[in-house]
Amino acid sequence: MQFLRTERTHRAIRRALLATTIVAFAGPALAQEPFDLNALIEAARKEPPITVYDSTGKIVEMAKAFAEKYGVGAEGSKVKATAQLEMIIREARANNIQGDVSIISDAPAAMAQLIPQGFAESWLPPDLAANIPTEYQDPLTVVTSANVWAYNTELFDKCPVSNIWQLTGPEWKGKVAMQDPLGKPSYVDWFNQMAKHGDDKVAAAYKELYGKDLETDDGSATAAWVKALAANAPLLTDADAAAADAVGAPGQSQPFMGLMSSAKFRDNAEKGMKLGLCKDLKPWLGWMYPGVGLITKGTNSPNASKLFIHYVMTAEGIAPQAEDGKMSTNKDVSLPADEPSGIGAVLDQVMPYQMATSLDDWDARETWQDLWRLSYQK
C-alpha cells in the first residue's frame, strides 16, 4: 500500500509540473506577433548549424534537403527514442547542447520528463496551426506512424488470421515475430492505450472468435490478451527488420505472423520481401504512435530549429517519411498514392494514439512490463 501511495504522489507531482509548464508556454503564445516566415529564414541563416535527432534514418535525407532549400546548416542523426531521451537530458545538464531538434517517438517520455523538467519545449508554426488538429498541437505531434500485423503473401492469398486472439492459440505458438516489449516502450504504451480506450473491442473480439464472454482475473481483456500472447512463445527481436525478415523472407515453408512498422513494406520492392497487410483483422490491424517535435532548451540556433519544425510540417519536408507510410498531422499533407503498405486506405482499421492519456501510459509502463515478463514463455 505504501508503494501505491508513493506512486500516486509521484503521478500528481508530474501532472502538476506539466500543467505549470503548459500554462507558462501558453502566455506568450497568446500574444504572438504576426508570423513572418521570411523573417524566420533570415534569422535562421545567421545561426550555427543544427543537429536533428529522429529514430528513422530518413532524417539524414530530410536535414540535407532542408539545408539546401534554406541555406541553413543542418545535419540529421538517427537515434532511437530511448537514446534521444538520455542524450537530451545529459546534454542539458552538462550545458553542452548537441541536438537542437528532436522528433521523438516516445510521447509519454516527452510529456513526463522532457517538457515539464525544462529540457525541451514545443513550438507550433502559427501559419500552419489551423491545419493541425487540436490534440496534436501541444506538444506538437509531427507524424503518426503505424505498427501493423503482417503476413507472407507467398504463402497465403490473404491474412491467415482474422482475429488477434487467434495469435494466442496453439496454431501460432512460437510463430509470432515482434520486437520485445521490454525494450520497446511504444509496445507497452500500446497495451495501455488498448486497455484505456479499446478494452471493450478486445473483449468483443474474444466473444466473436470463441462464442462466449471472456472470463478473466487479469483486470481487463487487454491484460488477458497480452498475457496469453506472451505465454504463446512469440519470437522476440530487437528491431523491426528482424521481425520483417521472419515474416516476409521469400522461399519460406513455415509461416510467421509479425508486428512491425509500415515502413518495412518498402522492402517488398527493395529486397524482394513478401509482406502483406492484415486487413480486416479484429479489432484492429495495428496501432498508431506519435512522433513529437521538440526544440531543446539552450540551443544556440532557436530560429533555425523553428524553421526546421516548420519545414517538416509541410508536404515537401515530410515526404521521405510519408513514403514509408508515416502520416503528417498537417491535414493538407497526404500519403503518396504508391506508398508500399497501403495503410492509407485502411486507417479506420488502425487504433489511433490518444495523446490525452500519454502520462497514464508513462505511469503504467512498469506494470505492463511486469505482466509481460512474468507471462513470457520461450
Protein backbone atom coordinates (compact mmCIF):
# COMPACT_ATOMS: atom_id res chain seq x y z
CA MET A 1 0.00 0.00 0.00
CA GLN A 2 2.88 2.38 0.78
CA PHE A 3 4.19 1.80 -2.75
CA LEU A 4 0.79 2.71 -4.24
CA ARG A 5 0.54 5.90 -2.17
CA THR A 6 4.07 6.92 -3.18
CA GLU A 7 3.38 6.22 -6.84
CA ARG A 8 0.17 8.26 -6.70
CA THR A 9 2.13 11.14 -5.19
CA HIS A 10 4.73 10.93 -7.96
CA ARG A 11 1.98 10.95 -10.59
CA ALA A 12 0.35 14.00 -9.03
CA ILE A 13 3.67 15.86 -8.96
CA ARG A 14 4.37 15.05 -12.62
CA ARG A 15 0.94 16.26 -13.67
CA ALA A 16 1.30 19.46 -11.62
CA LEU A 17 4.68 20.15 -13.22
CA LEU A 18 3.29 19.57 -16.69
CA ALA A 19 0.27 21.78 -16.06
CA THR A 20 2.53 24.56 -14.79
CA THR A 21 4.76 24.22 -17.86
CA ILE A 22 1.84 24.36 -20.28
CA VAL A 23 0.49 27.49 -18.60
CA ALA A 24 3.92 29.08 -18.81
CA PHE A 25 4.15 28.31 -22.53
CA ALA A 26 0.59 29.41 -23.24
CA GLY A 27 1.04 33.02 -22.09
CA PRO A 28 3.49 34.20 -24.81
CA ALA A 29 1.74 32.12 -27.44
CA LEU A 30 -1.49 34.05 -26.98
CA ALA A 31 0.30 37.35 -27.52
CA GLN A 32 2.34 36.32 -30.58
CA GLU A 33 3.13 38.83 -33.25
CA PRO A 34 2.06 38.02 -36.83
CA PHE A 35 4.19 35.18 -38.17
CA ASP A 36 6.72 36.10 -40.86
CA LEU A 37 8.33 33.06 -42.49
CA ASN A 38 10.81 35.16 -44.46
CA ALA A 39 12.00 36.87 -41.30
CA LEU A 40 12.43 33.46 -39.65
CA ILE A 41 14.52 32.27 -42.61
CA GLU A 42 16.78 35.32 -42.43
CA ALA A 43 17.25 34.91 -38.69
CA ALA A 44 17.98 31.19 -39.10
CA ARG A 45 20.73 31.88 -41.64
CA LYS A 46 22.64 33.86 -39.03
CA GLU A 47 22.76 30.98 -36.57
CA PRO A 48 25.07 27.97 -36.19
CA PRO A 49 24.14 24.70 -37.95
CA ILE A 50 21.61 22.47 -36.18
CA THR A 51 21.52 18.76 -35.43
CA VAL A 52 18.20 16.93 -35.61
CA TYR A 53 17.53 13.65 -33.80
CA ASP A 54 14.99 11.14 -35.12
CA SER A 55 14.60 7.38 -34.87
CA THR A 56 14.44 6.94 -38.65
CA GLY A 57 17.40 7.16 -40.98
CA LYS A 58 15.26 9.28 -43.29
CA ILE A 59 16.16 12.25 -41.07
CA VAL A 60 19.55 12.42 -42.77
CA GLU A 61 17.92 13.00 -46.15
CA MET A 62 15.42 15.45 -44.66
CA ALA A 63 18.07 17.59 -42.98
CA LYS A 64 20.13 17.70 -46.15
CA ALA A 65 17.13 18.83 -48.22
CA PHE A 66 16.30 21.46 -45.60
CA ALA A 67 19.84 22.85 -45.68
CA GLU A 68 19.81 23.05 -49.46
CA LYS A 69 16.41 24.74 -49.55
CA TYR A 70 17.07 27.44 -46.99
CA GLY A 71 20.84 27.81 -46.87
CA VAL A 72 20.80 26.87 -43.19
CA GLY A 73 23.27 24.30 -41.89
CA ALA A 74 21.61 21.10 -40.67
CA GLU A 75 22.58 17.51 -40.01
CA GLY A 76 20.24 14.60 -39.33
CA SER A 77 21.18 11.92 -36.84
CA LYS A 78 19.37 8.59 -36.46
CA VAL A 79 18.94 7.99 -32.73
CA LYS A 80 16.48 5.62 -31.06
CA ALA A 81 13.87 7.24 -28.83
CA THR A 82 15.35 5.89 -25.59
CA ALA A 83 18.80 7.19 -26.53
CA GLN A 84 17.35 10.56 -27.54
CA LEU A 85 15.80 10.92 -24.12
CA GLU A 86 19.10 10.18 -22.38
CA MET A 87 21.12 12.43 -24.68
CA ILE A 88 18.82 15.44 -24.38
CA ILE A 89 18.80 15.24 -20.58
CA ARG A 90 22.54 14.64 -20.33
CA GLU A 91 23.38 17.47 -22.74
CA ALA A 92 21.11 19.91 -20.90
CA ARG A 93 22.58 19.08 -17.50
CA ALA A 94 26.10 19.46 -18.87
CA ASN A 95 25.15 22.74 -20.55
CA ASN A 96 26.52 21.24 -23.77
CA ILE A 97 23.67 21.14 -26.27
CA GLN A 98 24.47 18.96 -29.29
CA GLY A 99 20.98 18.14 -30.53
CA ASP A 100 18.81 21.15 -31.34
CA VAL A 101 15.64 19.42 -32.57
CA SER A 102 14.18 16.06 -31.56
CA ILE A 103 11.43 14.15 -33.29
CA ILE A 104 10.91 11.60 -30.58
CA SER A 105 8.59 8.62 -30.88
CA ASP A 106 8.29 8.36 -27.09
CA ALA A 107 5.43 10.77 -26.40
CA PRO A 108 4.97 9.69 -22.77
CA ALA A 109 8.64 10.43 -22.01
CA ALA A 110 8.33 13.83 -23.69
CA MET A 111 5.24 14.62 -21.62
CA ALA A 112 6.58 13.26 -18.32
CA GLN A 113 10.24 14.30 -18.45
CA LEU A 114 11.47 16.47 -21.30
CA ILE A 115 8.82 19.20 -21.25
CA PRO A 116 7.90 19.62 -17.57
CA GLN A 117 11.53 19.48 -16.45
CA GLY A 118 12.51 22.14 -18.95
CA PHE A 119 14.83 20.10 -21.15
CA ALA A 120 12.86 20.81 -24.32
CA GLU A 121 9.79 22.70 -25.49
CA SER A 122 7.21 22.52 -28.22
CA TRP A 123 6.68 25.16 -30.91
CA LEU A 124 3.61 25.27 -33.12
CA PRO A 125 4.08 27.02 -36.51
CA PRO A 126 1.42 29.76 -36.35
CA ASP A 127 0.70 29.76 -40.07
CA LEU A 128 0.02 26.00 -40.06
CA ALA A 129 -1.93 25.76 -36.81
CA ALA A 130 -5.34 25.78 -38.49
CA ASN A 131 -4.38 22.61 -40.40
CA ILE A 132 -3.26 20.67 -37.32
CA PRO A 133 -5.90 19.02 -35.09
CA THR A 134 -6.01 20.40 -31.56
CA GLU A 135 -4.94 17.12 -29.96
CA TYR A 136 -1.67 17.26 -31.90
CA GLN A 137 -0.76 20.87 -31.13
CA ASP A 138 0.57 20.86 -27.56
CA PRO A 139 3.04 19.33 -27.71
CA LEU A 140 3.33 19.37 -31.48
CA THR A 141 2.98 15.90 -32.97
CA VAL A 142 4.83 15.94 -36.29
CA VAL A 143 3.81 12.50 -37.57
CA THR A 144 1.81 9.47 -36.56
CA SER A 145 3.26 6.13 -37.60
CA ALA A 146 1.61 2.74 -37.85
CA ASN A 147 2.75 -0.56 -36.40
CA VAL A 148 0.84 -3.27 -38.22
CA TRP A 149 0.27 -7.00 -38.34
CA ALA A 150 1.75 -8.59 -41.46
CA TYR A 151 1.85 -11.98 -43.17
CA ASN A 152 3.70 -13.66 -46.05
CA THR A 153 1.89 -13.17 -49.38
CA GLU A 154 3.86 -16.00 -50.98
CA LEU A 155 2.28 -18.46 -48.54
CA PHE A 156 -1.22 -17.02 -48.24
CA ASP A 157 -3.71 -15.31 -50.55
CA LYS A 158 -4.94 -13.22 -47.63
CA CYS A 159 -4.11 -12.74 -43.97
CA PRO A 160 -4.30 -16.19 -42.31
CA VAL A 161 -5.87 -14.77 -39.15
CA SER A 162 -8.93 -12.58 -38.76
CA ASN A 163 -8.81 -12.01 -35.00
CA ILE A 164 -5.92 -11.11 -32.69
CA TRP A 165 -7.00 -13.81 -30.22
CA GLN A 166 -6.04 -16.44 -32.80
CA LEU A 167 -2.42 -15.41 -32.25
CA THR A 168 -2.66 -16.76 -28.70
CA GLY A 169 -3.70 -20.23 -29.86
CA PRO A 170 -1.63 -23.37 -30.49
CA GLU A 171 -1.52 -22.87 -34.29
CA TRP A 172 0.62 -19.77 -33.82
CA LYS A 173 2.69 -20.89 -30.85
CA GLY A 174 6.25 -19.72 -31.45
CA LYS A 175 5.27 -18.23 -34.81
CA VAL A 176 4.59 -14.59 -34.00
CA ALA A 177 7.56 -12.25 -34.60
CA MET A 178 7.69 -8.88 -32.87
CA GLN A 179 10.00 -6.56 -31.00
CA ASP A 180 10.50 -7.31 -27.32
CA PRO A 181 8.11 -5.08 -25.31
CA LEU A 182 10.71 -4.92 -22.54
CA GLY A 183 12.99 -3.00 -24.91
CA LYS A 184 10.36 -1.13 -26.93
CA PRO A 185 8.37 1.33 -24.79
CA SER A 186 5.83 2.06 -27.52
CA TYR A 187 4.64 -1.56 -27.29
CA VAL A 188 3.70 -1.35 -23.61
CA ASP A 189 2.20 2.10 -24.29
CA TRP A 190 0.05 0.35 -26.90
CA PHE A 191 -1.08 -2.19 -24.31
CA ASN A 192 -2.15 0.65 -22.03
CA GLN A 193 -3.89 2.53 -24.83
CA MET A 194 -5.86 -0.60 -25.69
CA ALA A 195 -6.86 -1.11 -22.07
CA LYS A 196 -7.95 2.50 -21.62
CA HIS A 197 -9.60 3.18 -24.96
CA GLY A 198 -10.49 -0.12 -26.59
CA ASP A 199 -10.83 -2.84 -23.97
CA ASP A 200 -14.45 -3.41 -24.94
CA LYS A 201 -13.33 -4.16 -28.50
CA VAL A 202 -10.71 -6.65 -27.30
CA ALA A 203 -13.40 -8.39 -25.24
CA ALA A 204 -15.82 -8.35 -28.19
CA ALA A 205 -13.17 -9.91 -30.44
CA TYR A 206 -12.78 -12.75 -27.94
CA LYS A 207 -16.53 -13.38 -27.92
CA GLU A 208 -16.68 -13.25 -31.72
CA LEU A 209 -13.95 -15.89 -32.01
CA TYR A 210 -14.95 -18.24 -29.18
CA GLY A 211 -18.69 -17.62 -28.96
CA LYS A 212 -18.63 -16.84 -25.26
CA ASP A 213 -17.79 -13.96 -22.96
CA LEU A 214 -14.23 -13.62 -21.72
CA GLU A 215 -13.81 -14.56 -18.08
CA THR A 216 -10.57 -13.29 -16.59
CA ASP A 217 -9.00 -12.29 -13.28
CA ASP A 218 -6.40 -10.12 -15.05
CA GLY A 219 -8.29 -6.86 -14.67
CA SER A 220 -9.03 -6.25 -18.34
CA ALA A 221 -9.49 -8.06 -21.62
CA THR A 222 -6.31 -6.40 -22.87
CA ALA A 223 -4.29 -7.76 -19.95
CA ALA A 224 -5.69 -11.24 -20.62
CA TRP A 225 -4.70 -10.98 -24.30
CA VAL A 226 -1.21 -9.66 -23.53
CA LYS A 227 -0.69 -12.44 -21.00
CA ALA A 228 -1.86 -15.09 -23.47
CA LEU A 229 0.28 -13.73 -26.30
CA ALA A 230 3.39 -13.67 -24.11
CA ALA A 231 2.70 -17.24 -22.98
CA ASN A 232 2.50 -18.39 -26.61
CA ALA A 233 6.26 -18.08 -27.08
CA PRO A 234 6.49 -15.26 -29.64
CA LEU A 235 9.79 -14.75 -31.44
CA LEU A 236 11.17 -11.56 -29.90
CA THR A 237 13.53 -9.32 -31.86
CA ASP A 238 15.48 -6.14 -31.19
CA ALA A 239 14.35 -4.39 -34.38
CA ASP A 240 11.54 -4.34 -36.91
CA ALA A 241 13.92 -5.55 -39.60
CA ALA A 242 14.31 -8.93 -37.90
CA ALA A 243 10.56 -9.32 -37.48
CA ALA A 244 10.03 -8.39 -41.13
CA ASP A 245 12.62 -10.97 -42.22
CA ALA A 246 10.94 -13.68 -40.17
CA VAL A 247 7.59 -12.94 -41.78
CA GLY A 248 8.33 -11.79 -45.30
CA ALA A 249 11.50 -13.51 -46.49
CA PRO A 250 10.78 -15.35 -49.77
CA GLY A 251 11.03 -19.12 -50.05
CA GLN A 252 9.67 -19.95 -46.61
CA SER A 253 7.72 -23.07 -45.74
CA GLN A 254 6.93 -22.29 -42.09
CA PRO A 255 4.74 -19.18 -41.88
CA PHE A 256 5.13 -16.43 -39.30
CA MET A 257 2.82 -13.61 -38.40
CA GLY A 258 4.54 -10.41 -37.39
CA LEU A 259 4.18 -6.95 -35.93
CA MET A 260 6.24 -4.16 -37.46
CA SER A 261 6.35 -0.61 -38.74
CA SER A 262 4.55 0.05 -42.01
CA ALA A 263 7.91 1.39 -43.19
CA LYS A 264 9.20 -2.17 -43.58
CA PHE A 265 6.88 -2.74 -46.55
CA ARG A 266 9.31 -0.81 -48.74
CA ASP A 267 11.46 -3.96 -48.52
CA ASN A 268 9.00 -5.69 -50.85
CA ALA A 269 10.41 -3.70 -53.75
CA GLU A 270 13.93 -3.15 -52.45
CA LYS A 271 14.66 -6.67 -51.13
CA GLY A 272 12.04 -8.91 -52.71
CA MET A 273 10.18 -9.41 -49.45
CA LYS A 274 6.63 -10.79 -49.40
CA LEU A 275 4.95 -8.69 -46.72
CA GLY A 276 1.18 -8.31 -46.78
CA LEU A 277 -1.00 -6.08 -44.59
CA CYS A 278 -3.50 -7.96 -42.40
CA LYS A 279 -6.61 -6.08 -43.46
CA ASP A 280 -9.88 -6.65 -41.58
CA LEU A 281 -8.11 -8.06 -38.53
CA LYS A 282 -10.35 -7.70 -35.47
CA PRO A 283 -10.37 -5.44 -33.56
CA TRP A 284 -7.52 -3.56 -35.29
CA LEU A 285 -4.84 -4.38 -37.85
CA GLY A 286 -2.37 -2.28 -35.87
CA TRP A 287 -1.95 0.93 -33.93
CA MET A 288 -0.57 4.43 -34.35
CA TYR A 289 2.16 6.05 -32.31
CA PRO A 290 3.21 9.70 -32.40
CA GLY A 291 6.45 11.46 -33.24
CA VAL A 292 6.65 14.60 -31.10
CA GLY A 293 8.67 17.53 -32.41
CA LEU A 294 10.68 19.35 -29.72
CA ILE A 295 13.29 22.10 -29.60
CA THR A 296 15.91 21.68 -26.89
CA LYS A 297 16.24 24.42 -24.31
CA GLY A 298 19.54 26.23 -24.60
CA THR A 299 20.02 25.70 -28.33
CA ASN A 300 22.23 28.30 -29.97
CA SER A 301 20.00 28.17 -33.04
CA PRO A 302 16.41 28.74 -31.91
CA ASN A 303 15.29 30.25 -35.22
CA ALA A 304 16.90 27.53 -37.33
CA SER A 305 15.25 24.96 -35.06
CA LYS A 306 11.84 26.58 -35.52
CA LEU A 307 12.38 26.74 -39.26
CA PHE A 308 13.13 23.01 -39.36
CA ILE A 309 9.97 22.26 -37.39
CA HIS A 310 8.04 24.39 -39.88
CA TYR A 311 9.68 22.55 -42.78
CA VAL A 312 8.81 19.05 -41.56
CA MET A 313 5.19 20.10 -41.15
CA THR A 314 4.94 20.64 -44.92
CA ALA A 315 4.46 18.06 -47.67
CA GLU A 316 7.95 18.74 -49.01
CA GLY A 317 9.61 18.38 -45.63
CA ILE A 318 7.94 15.16 -44.52
CA ALA A 319 7.99 13.49 -47.95
CA PRO A 320 10.80 10.98 -47.18
CA GLN A 321 8.82 9.66 -44.20
CA ALA A 322 5.46 9.80 -45.99
CA GLU A 323 6.92 7.32 -48.47
CA ASP A 324 7.13 4.89 -45.52
CA GLY A 325 3.51 5.35 -44.51
CA LYS A 326 4.18 7.92 -41.80
CA MET A 327 1.38 10.46 -41.72
CA SER A 328 1.80 14.17 -41.14
CA THR A 329 -0.61 15.72 -38.67
CA ASN A 330 -1.00 18.57 -41.16
CA LYS A 331 -4.39 17.80 -42.72
CA ASP A 332 -3.26 19.26 -46.05
CA VAL A 333 -0.50 16.63 -46.38
CA SER A 334 -1.43 13.16 -47.64
CA LEU A 335 0.40 9.90 -48.22
CA PRO A 336 1.73 9.24 -51.72
CA ALA A 337 -0.53 7.06 -53.85
CA ASP A 338 2.21 4.44 -54.26
CA GLU A 339 3.07 4.12 -50.54
CA PRO A 340 4.03 0.40 -50.26
CA SER A 341 1.98 -0.83 -47.30
CA GLY A 342 -1.40 0.55 -48.39
CA ILE A 343 -2.05 1.81 -44.85
CA GLY A 344 -3.71 4.99 -46.11
CA ALA A 345 -6.73 3.06 -47.42
CA VAL A 346 -7.44 1.28 -44.13
CA LEU A 347 -6.77 3.91 -41.48
CA ASP A 348 -10.20 3.26 -39.99
CA GLN A 349 -8.88 -0.20 -39.01
CA VAL A 350 -5.90 1.20 -37.11
CA MET A 351 -6.14 2.11 -33.44
CA PRO A 352 -5.24 5.81 -33.01
CA TYR A 353 -2.95 7.04 -30.26
CA GLN A 354 -4.61 9.40 -27.79
CA MET A 355 -2.13 11.99 -26.53
CA ALA A 356 -4.52 12.96 -23.72
CA THR A 357 -3.57 9.81 -21.79
CA SER A 358 0.15 9.70 -22.58
CA LEU A 359 1.03 10.37 -18.94
CA ASP A 360 -1.06 7.37 -17.95
CA ASP A 361 0.96 5.32 -20.44
CA TRP A 362 4.15 6.52 -18.75
CA ASP A 363 2.87 5.64 -15.28
CA ALA A 364 1.67 2.18 -16.37
CA ARG A 365 4.81 1.06 -18.21
CA GLU A 366 6.31 -0.91 -15.37
CA THR A 367 3.02 -2.69 -14.69
CA TRP A 368 2.68 -3.84 -18.29
CA GLN A 369 6.36 -4.82 -18.49
CA ASP A 370 5.98 -6.90 -15.34
CA LEU A 371 2.94 -8.66 -16.82
CA TRP A 372 4.86 -9.45 -20.00
CA ARG A 373 7.96 -10.58 -18.12
CA LEU A 374 6.04 -12.91 -15.83
CA SER A 375 3.92 -14.33 -18.67
CA TYR A 376 6.50 -14.83 -21.41
CA GLN A 377 7.38 -18.36 -22.40
CA LYS A 378 10.21 -19.31 -24.77
